[in-house]
Amino acid sequence: SVFDFRQRTGNANRTQGNIRLSATELSATLEGPLNKNKNLTYLASARRSYLQLLFSAIDLPIRPDYWDFQYKITYKPNTKSTLTFLGIGAIDEFGFGKIKTPTQDKLYTLNEVPSIEQRSYTLGASFSHVLNRGYLLFSLSRNVLDNNLEKYDFNDASIPSNLRFRTDATEAENKLKLEVS
């Protein structure tokens, strides 16, 4: 599959931000100019879930927990050139909690679903320049995913022989790209 998205450029005229609260998360965004010429801007945001609290309150055995972050810095030295730095990161943890009313489906989940810890990030930089009849784009990026899964019988990690399986995997990719059109 392909995942394609674009981040907007930070506000060049003034610093501004917002905080959002929903039923499952809290997030904040801040953006603005970084110099008096208004040709260097930033945009940054962070998001934090509190699903683990909600799931505990409604007596579900799973406890999803995540953070994610992103930033973008844009520099426009002239009307034809743009230099961009960006980063995206996430911390995902999926564990279990105590349940008050054990049911067959809750016990099945506790006994069969592994705990998960994932860390991922993407960092990148690009330079674009408008030509007379086209454009030039040079970009460099790094993507990393660290994925760890564990399953202990009875979710009891204090007894080493309870370990049913463990997976520790890391993927990393570096890209260098030059486009001329």
C-alpha atoms as a PDB file:
ATOM      1  CA  SER A   1       0.000   0.000   0.000  1.00  0.00           C
ATOM      2  CA  VAL A   2       0.995   3.636  -0.316  1.00  0.00           C
ATOM      3  CA  PHE A   3       0.603   6.287   2.340  1.00  0.00           C
ATOM      4  CA  ASP A   4       0.887   9.816   0.963  1.00  0.00           C
ATOM      5  CA  PHE A   5       0.198  12.929   2.964  1.00  0.00           C
ATOM      6  CA  ARG A   6       1.293  16.534   3.033  1.00  0.00           C
ATOM      7  CA  GLN A   7       1.827  18.780   6.007  1.00  0.00           C
ATOM      8  CA  ARG A   8       0.914  22.401   5.663  1.00  0.00           C
ATOM      9  CA  THR A   9       3.492  25.107   6.262  1.00  0.00           C
ATOM     10  CA  GLY A  10       3.470  26.942   9.600  1.00  0.00           C
ATOM     11  CA  ASN A  11       1.906  30.406   9.854  1.00  0.00           C
ATOM     12  CA  ALA A  12       4.480  32.965   8.646  1.00  0.00           C
ATOM     13  CA  ASN A  13       2.675  35.978  10.170  1.00  0.00           C
ATOM     14  CA  ARG A  14       2.154  35.113  13.832  1.00  0.00           C
ATOM     15  CA  THR A  15       2.605  32.458  16.489  1.00  0.00           C
ATOM     16  CA  GLN A  16      -0.569  30.554  17.214  1.00  0.00           C
ATOM     17  CA  GLY A  17      -1.666  27.226  18.562  1.00  0.00           C
ATOM     18  CA  ASN A  18      -4.503  25.157  19.861  1.00  0.00           C
ATOM     19  CA  ILE A  19      -5.251  22.393  22.313  1.00  0.00           C
ATOM     20  CA  ARG A  20      -7.865  19.749  21.537  1.00  0.00           C
ATOM     21  CA  LEU A  21      -9.515  17.345  23.939  1.00  0.00           C
ATOM     22  CA  SER A  22     -11.598  14.443  22.658  1.00  0.00           C
ATOM     23  CA  ALA A  23     -13.130  11.332  24.152  1.00  0.00           C
ATOM     24  CA  THR A  24      -9.896   9.385  23.597  1.00  0.00           C
ATOM     25  CA  GLU A  25      -6.970  11.819  23.417  1.00  0.00           C
ATOM     26  CA  LEU A  26      -5.416  15.201  24.106  1.00  0.00           C
ATOM     27  CA  SER A  27      -3.455  17.023  21.405  1.00  0.00           C
ATOM     28  CA  ALA A  28      -1.700  20.344  20.944  1.00  0.00           C
ATOM     29  CA  THR A  29      -0.351  22.248  17.941  1.00  0.00           C
ATOM     30  CA  LEU A  30       1.924  25.293  17.839  1.00  0.00           C
ATOM     31  CA  GLU A  31       3.117  27.179  14.758  1.00  0.00           C
ATOM     32  CA  GLY A  32       4.616  30.467  13.694  1.00  0.00           C
ATOM     33  CA  PRO A  33       7.535  32.380  12.179  1.00  0.00           C
ATOM     34  CA  LEU A  34      11.127  31.783  13.309  1.00  0.00           C
ATOM     35  CA  ASN A  35      12.597  35.015  11.922  1.00  0.00           C
ATOM     36  CA  LYS A  36      11.647  38.623  11.195  1.00  0.00           C
ATOM     37  CA  ASN A  37      11.703  38.065   7.409  1.00  0.00           C
ATOM     38  CA  LYS A  38       8.798  35.583   7.783  1.00  0.00           C
ATOM     39  CA  ASN A  39      10.513  33.151   5.408  1.00  0.00           C
ATOM     40  CA  LEU A  40      11.385  30.615   8.134  1.00  0.00           C
ATOM     41  CA  THR A  41       8.417  28.915   9.826  1.00  0.00           C
ATOM     42  CA  TYR A  42       7.663  25.978  12.095  1.00  0.00           C
ATOM     43  CA  LEU A  43       4.696  23.744  12.806  1.00  0.00           C
ATOM     44  CA  ALA A  44       4.766  21.210  15.669  1.00  0.00           C
ATOM     45  CA  SER A  45       2.169  18.986  17.280  1.00  0.00           C
ATOM     46  CA  ALA A  46       1.870  16.204  19.833  1.00  0.00           C
ATOM     47  CA  ARG A  47      -0.956  13.842  20.707  1.00  0.00           C
ATOM     48  CA  ARG A  48      -1.482  11.610  23.751  1.00  0.00           C
ATOM     49  CA  SER A  49      -4.144   8.944  24.161  1.00  0.00           C
ATOM     50  CA  TYR A  50      -5.900   8.078  27.360  1.00  0.00           C
ATOM     51  CA  LEU A  51      -7.759   5.049  26.035  1.00  0.00           C
ATOM     52  CA  GLN A  52      -6.154   2.929  28.764  1.00  0.00           C
ATOM     53  CA  LEU A  53      -8.112   4.931  31.367  1.00  0.00           C
ATOM     54  CA  LEU A  54     -11.354   4.680  29.408  1.00  0.00           C
ATOM     55  CA  PHE A  55     -10.926   0.921  28.811  1.00  0.00           C
ATOM     56  CA  SER A  56     -10.198   0.382  32.498  1.00  0.00           C
ATOM     57  CA  ALA A  57     -13.351   2.303  33.438  1.00  0.00           C
ATOM     58  CA  ILE A  58     -15.522   0.136  31.164  1.00  0.00           C
ATOM     59  CA  ASP A  59     -13.734  -3.045  32.336  1.00  0.00           C
ATOM     60  CA  LEU A  60     -12.012  -4.071  29.096  1.00  0.00           C
ATOM     61  CA  PRO A  61      -8.831  -6.127  29.555  1.00  0.00           C
ATOM     62  CA  ILE A  62      -6.727  -4.318  26.924  1.00  0.00           C
ATOM     63  CA  ARG A  63      -4.861  -1.056  27.582  1.00  0.00           C
ATOM     64  CA  PRO A  64      -3.820   0.714  24.352  1.00  0.00           C
ATOM     65  CA  ASP A  65      -1.528   3.664  25.009  1.00  0.00           C
ATOM     66  CA  TYR A  66       0.095   5.927  22.409  1.00  0.00           C
ATOM     67  CA  TRP A  67       1.915   9.176  21.816  1.00  0.00           C
ATOM     68  CA  ASP A  68       2.678  10.720  18.454  1.00  0.00           C
ATOM     69  CA  PHE A  69       4.591  13.805  17.393  1.00  0.00           C
ATOM     70  CA  GLN A  70       5.359  15.736  14.254  1.00  0.00           C
ATOM     71  CA  TYR A  71       7.186  18.868  13.189  1.00  0.00           C
ATOM     72  CA  LYS A  72       7.929  20.774  10.029  1.00  0.00           C
ATOM     73  CA  ILE A  73      10.393  23.622   9.498  1.00  0.00           C
ATOM     74  CA  THR A  74      10.205  25.483   6.201  1.00  0.00           C
ATOM     75  CA  TYR A  75      12.720  28.004   4.828  1.00  0.00           C
ATOM     76  CA  LYS A  76      11.992  29.977   1.656  1.00  0.00           C
ATOM     77  CA  PRO A  77      15.133  31.963   0.754  1.00  0.00           C
ATOM     78  CA  ASN A  78      13.412  33.259  -2.398  1.00  0.00           C
ATOM     79  CA  THR A  79      10.205  32.767  -4.378  1.00  0.00           C
ATOM     80  CA  LYS A  80      11.583  29.787  -6.322  1.00  0.00           C
ATOM     81  CA  SER A  81      13.330  27.750  -3.595  1.00  0.00           C
ATOM     82  CA  THR A  82      12.144  25.915  -0.484  1.00  0.00           C
ATOM     83  CA  LEU A  83      14.110  23.948   2.097  1.00  0.00           C
ATOM     84  CA  THR A  84      12.029  21.721   4.383  1.00  0.00           C
ATOM     85  CA  PHE A  85      12.875  19.615   7.433  1.00  0.00           C
ATOM     86  CA  LEU A  86      10.272  17.309   8.920  1.00  0.00           C
ATOM     87  CA  GLY A  87       9.857  14.588  11.477  1.00  0.00           C
ATOM     88  CA  ILE A  88       7.120  12.215  12.562  1.00  0.00           C
ATOM     89  CA  GLY A  89       7.327   9.851  15.522  1.00  0.00           C
ATOM     90  CA  ALA A  90       5.100   7.480  17.460  1.00  0.00           C
ATOM     91  CA  ILE A  91       5.227   5.452  20.648  1.00  0.00           C
ATOM     92  CA  ASP A  92       2.620   2.688  20.854  1.00  0.00           C
ATOM     93  CA  GLU A  93       2.147   0.344  23.792  1.00  0.00           C
ATOM     94  CA  PHE A  94      -0.546  -2.278  24.060  1.00  0.00           C
ATOM     95  CA  GLY A  95      -0.841  -4.066  27.377  1.00  0.00           C
ATOM     96  CA  PHE A  96      -3.361  -5.489  29.804  1.00  0.00           C
ATOM     97  CA  GLY A  97      -5.019  -4.565  33.069  1.00  0.00           C
ATOM     98  CA  LYS A  98      -7.025  -6.208  35.807  1.00  0.00           C
ATOM     99  CA  ILE A  99     -10.673  -6.892  35.017  1.00  0.00           C
ATOM    100  CA  LYS A 100     -13.486  -6.724  37.559  1.00  0.00           C
ATOM    101  CA  THR A 101     -15.961  -9.066  35.869  1.00  0.00           C
ATOM    102  CA  PRO A 102     -14.249 -11.943  34.019  1.00  0.00           C
ATOM    103  CA  THR A 103     -16.182 -13.152  30.996  1.00  0.00           C
ATOM    104  CA  GLN A 104     -15.202 -15.734  28.404  1.00  0.00           C
ATOM    105  CA  ASP A 105     -14.276 -13.118  25.772  1.00  0.00           C
ATOM    106  CA  LYS A 106     -12.241 -11.029  28.243  1.00  0.00           C
ATOM    107  CA  LEU A 107     -10.342 -14.095  29.487  1.00  0.00           C
ATOM    108  CA  TYR A 108      -9.693 -15.198  25.895  1.00  0.00           C
ATOM    109  CA  THR A 109      -8.230 -11.763  25.108  1.00  0.00           C
ATOM    110  CA  LEU A 110      -6.031 -11.851  28.209  1.00  0.00           C
ATOM    111  CA  ASN A 111      -4.776 -15.356  27.398  1.00  0.00           C
ATOM    112  CA  GLU A 112      -4.199 -15.026  23.645  1.00  0.00           C
ATOM    113  CA  VAL A 113      -3.332 -11.444  22.680  1.00  0.00           C
ATOM    114  CA  PRO A 114       0.338 -10.395  23.026  1.00  0.00           C
ATOM    115  CA  SER A 115       1.593  -7.186  24.567  1.00  0.00           C
ATOM    116  CA  ILE A 116       3.068  -4.833  21.992  1.00  0.00           C
ATOM    117  CA  GLU A 117       5.631  -2.019  22.124  1.00  0.00           C
ATOM    118  CA  GLN A 118       6.320  -0.088  18.945  1.00  0.00           C
ATOM    119  CA  ARG A 119       8.521   2.914  18.317  1.00  0.00           C
ATOM    120  CA  SER A 120       8.657   4.519  14.904  1.00  0.00           C
ATOM    121  CA  TYR A 121       9.974   7.684  13.346  1.00  0.00           C
ATOM    122  CA  THR A 122      10.608   9.334  10.026  1.00  0.00           C
ATOM    123  CA  LEU A 123      13.041  12.209   9.558  1.00  0.00           C
ATOM    124  CA  GLY A 124      13.546  14.010   6.288  1.00  0.00           C
ATOM    125  CA  ALA A 125      14.856  17.034   4.479  1.00  0.00           C
ATOM    126  CA  SER A 126      14.095  18.292   1.007  1.00  0.00           C
ATOM    127  CA  PHE A 127      15.133  21.118  -1.276  1.00  0.00           C
ATOM    128  CA  SER A 128      12.893  22.165  -4.147  1.00  0.00           C
ATOM    129  CA  HIS A 129      13.557  24.774  -6.791  1.00  0.00           C
ATOM    130  CA  VAL A 130      11.294  25.943  -9.598  1.00  0.00           C
ATOM    131  CA  LEU A 131      13.038  25.930 -12.998  1.00  0.00           C
ATOM    132  CA  ASN A 132      11.963  27.828 -16.123  1.00  0.00           C
ATOM    133  CA  ARG A 133      10.074  24.812 -17.479  1.00  0.00           C
ATOM    134  CA  GLY A 134       9.925  22.409 -14.534  1.00  0.00           C
ATOM    135  CA  TYR A 135      11.368  21.814 -11.105  1.00  0.00           C
ATOM    136  CA  LEU A 136      14.210  20.238  -9.171  1.00  0.00           C
ATOM    137  CA  LEU A 137      13.586  18.213  -6.011  1.00  0.00           C
ATOM    138  CA  PHE A 138      16.287  16.723  -3.810  1.00  0.00           C
ATOM    139  CA  SER A 139      15.254  14.757  -0.716  1.00  0.00           C
ATOM    140  CA  LEU A 140      16.839  12.653   2.005  1.00  0.00           C
ATOM    141  CA  SER A 141      14.897  10.590   4.561  1.00  0.00           C
ATOM    142  CA  ARG A 142      15.188   7.906   7.224  1.00  0.00           C
ATOM    143  CA  ASN A 143      12.362   5.646   8.465  1.00  0.00           C
ATOM    144  CA  VAL A 144      12.660   3.323  11.458  1.00  0.00           C
ATOM    145  CA  LEU A 145      10.171   0.898  13.029  1.00  0.00           C
ATOM    146  CA  ASP A 146      11.046  -0.984  16.203  1.00  0.00           C
ATOM    147  CA  ASN A 147       8.420  -3.640  16.937  1.00  0.00           C
ATOM    148  CA  ASN A 148       8.390  -5.851  20.060  1.00  0.00           C
ATOM    149  CA  LEU A 149       5.713  -8.425  20.905  1.00  0.00           C
ATOM    150  CA  GLU A 150       5.588 -10.722  23.933  1.00  0.00           C
ATOM    151  CA  LYS A 151       3.147 -13.241  25.264  1.00  0.00           C
ATOM    152  CA  TYR A 152       3.440 -14.845  28.682  1.00  0.00           C
ATOM    153  CA  ASP A 153       1.003 -17.452  29.943  1.00  0.00           C
ATOM    154  CA  PHE A 154      -1.368 -15.797  32.398  1.00  0.00           C
ATOM    155  CA  ASN A 155       0.372 -12.481  31.496  1.00  0.00           C
ATOM    156  CA  ASP A 156       2.878 -13.310  34.227  1.00  0.00           C
ATOM    157  CA  ALA A 157       6.381 -12.239  33.163  1.00  0.00           C
ATOM    158  CA  SER A 158       7.805 -12.946  36.624  1.00  0.00           C
ATOM    159  CA  ILE A 159       8.174 -16.648  35.735  1.00  0.00           C
ATOM    160  CA  PRO A 160      10.534 -17.051  32.728  1.00  0.00           C
ATOM    161  CA  SER A 161       9.013 -20.416  31.750  1.00  0.00           C
ATOM    162  CA  ASN A 162       5.676 -18.627  31.123  1.00  0.00           C
ATOM    163  CA  LEU A 163       7.156 -17.032  27.981  1.00  0.00           C
ATOM    164  CA  ARG A 164       5.125 -18.322  25.024  1.00  0.00           C
ATOM    165  CA  PHE A 165       6.742 -16.170  22.333  1.00  0.00           C
ATOM    166  CA  ARG A 166       8.721 -12.994  21.815  1.00  0.00           C
ATOM    167  CA  THR A 167       9.444 -11.049  18.669  1.00  0.00           C
ATOM    168  CA  ASP A 168      11.916  -8.202  18.476  1.00  0.00           C
ATOM    169  CA  ALA A 169      12.162  -6.681  15.016  1.00  0.00           C
ATOM    170  CA  THR A 170      13.615  -3.459  13.680  1.00  0.00           C
ATOM    171  CA  GLU A 171      13.251  -2.135  10.157  1.00  0.00           C
ATOM    172  CA  ALA A 172      15.135   0.887   8.860  1.00  0.00           C
ATOM    173  CA  GLU A 173      15.212   2.535   5.469  1.00  0.00           C
ATOM    174  CA  ASN A 174      17.307   5.426   4.173  1.00  0.00           C
ATOM    175  CA  LYS A 175      16.428   7.184   0.927  1.00  0.00           C
ATOM    176  CA  LEU A 176      18.188   9.715  -1.241  1.00  0.00           C
ATOM    177  CA  LYS A 177      16.191  11.023  -4.186  1.00  0.00           C
ATOM    178  CA  LEU A 178      16.772  13.507  -6.995  1.00  0.00           C
ATOM    179  CA  GLU A 179      13.963  14.480  -9.353  1.00  0.00           C
ATOM    180  CA  VAL A 180      14.292  16.838 -12.269  1.00  0.00           C
ATOM    181  CA  SER A 181      11.335  17.622 -14.462  1.00  0.00           C
END
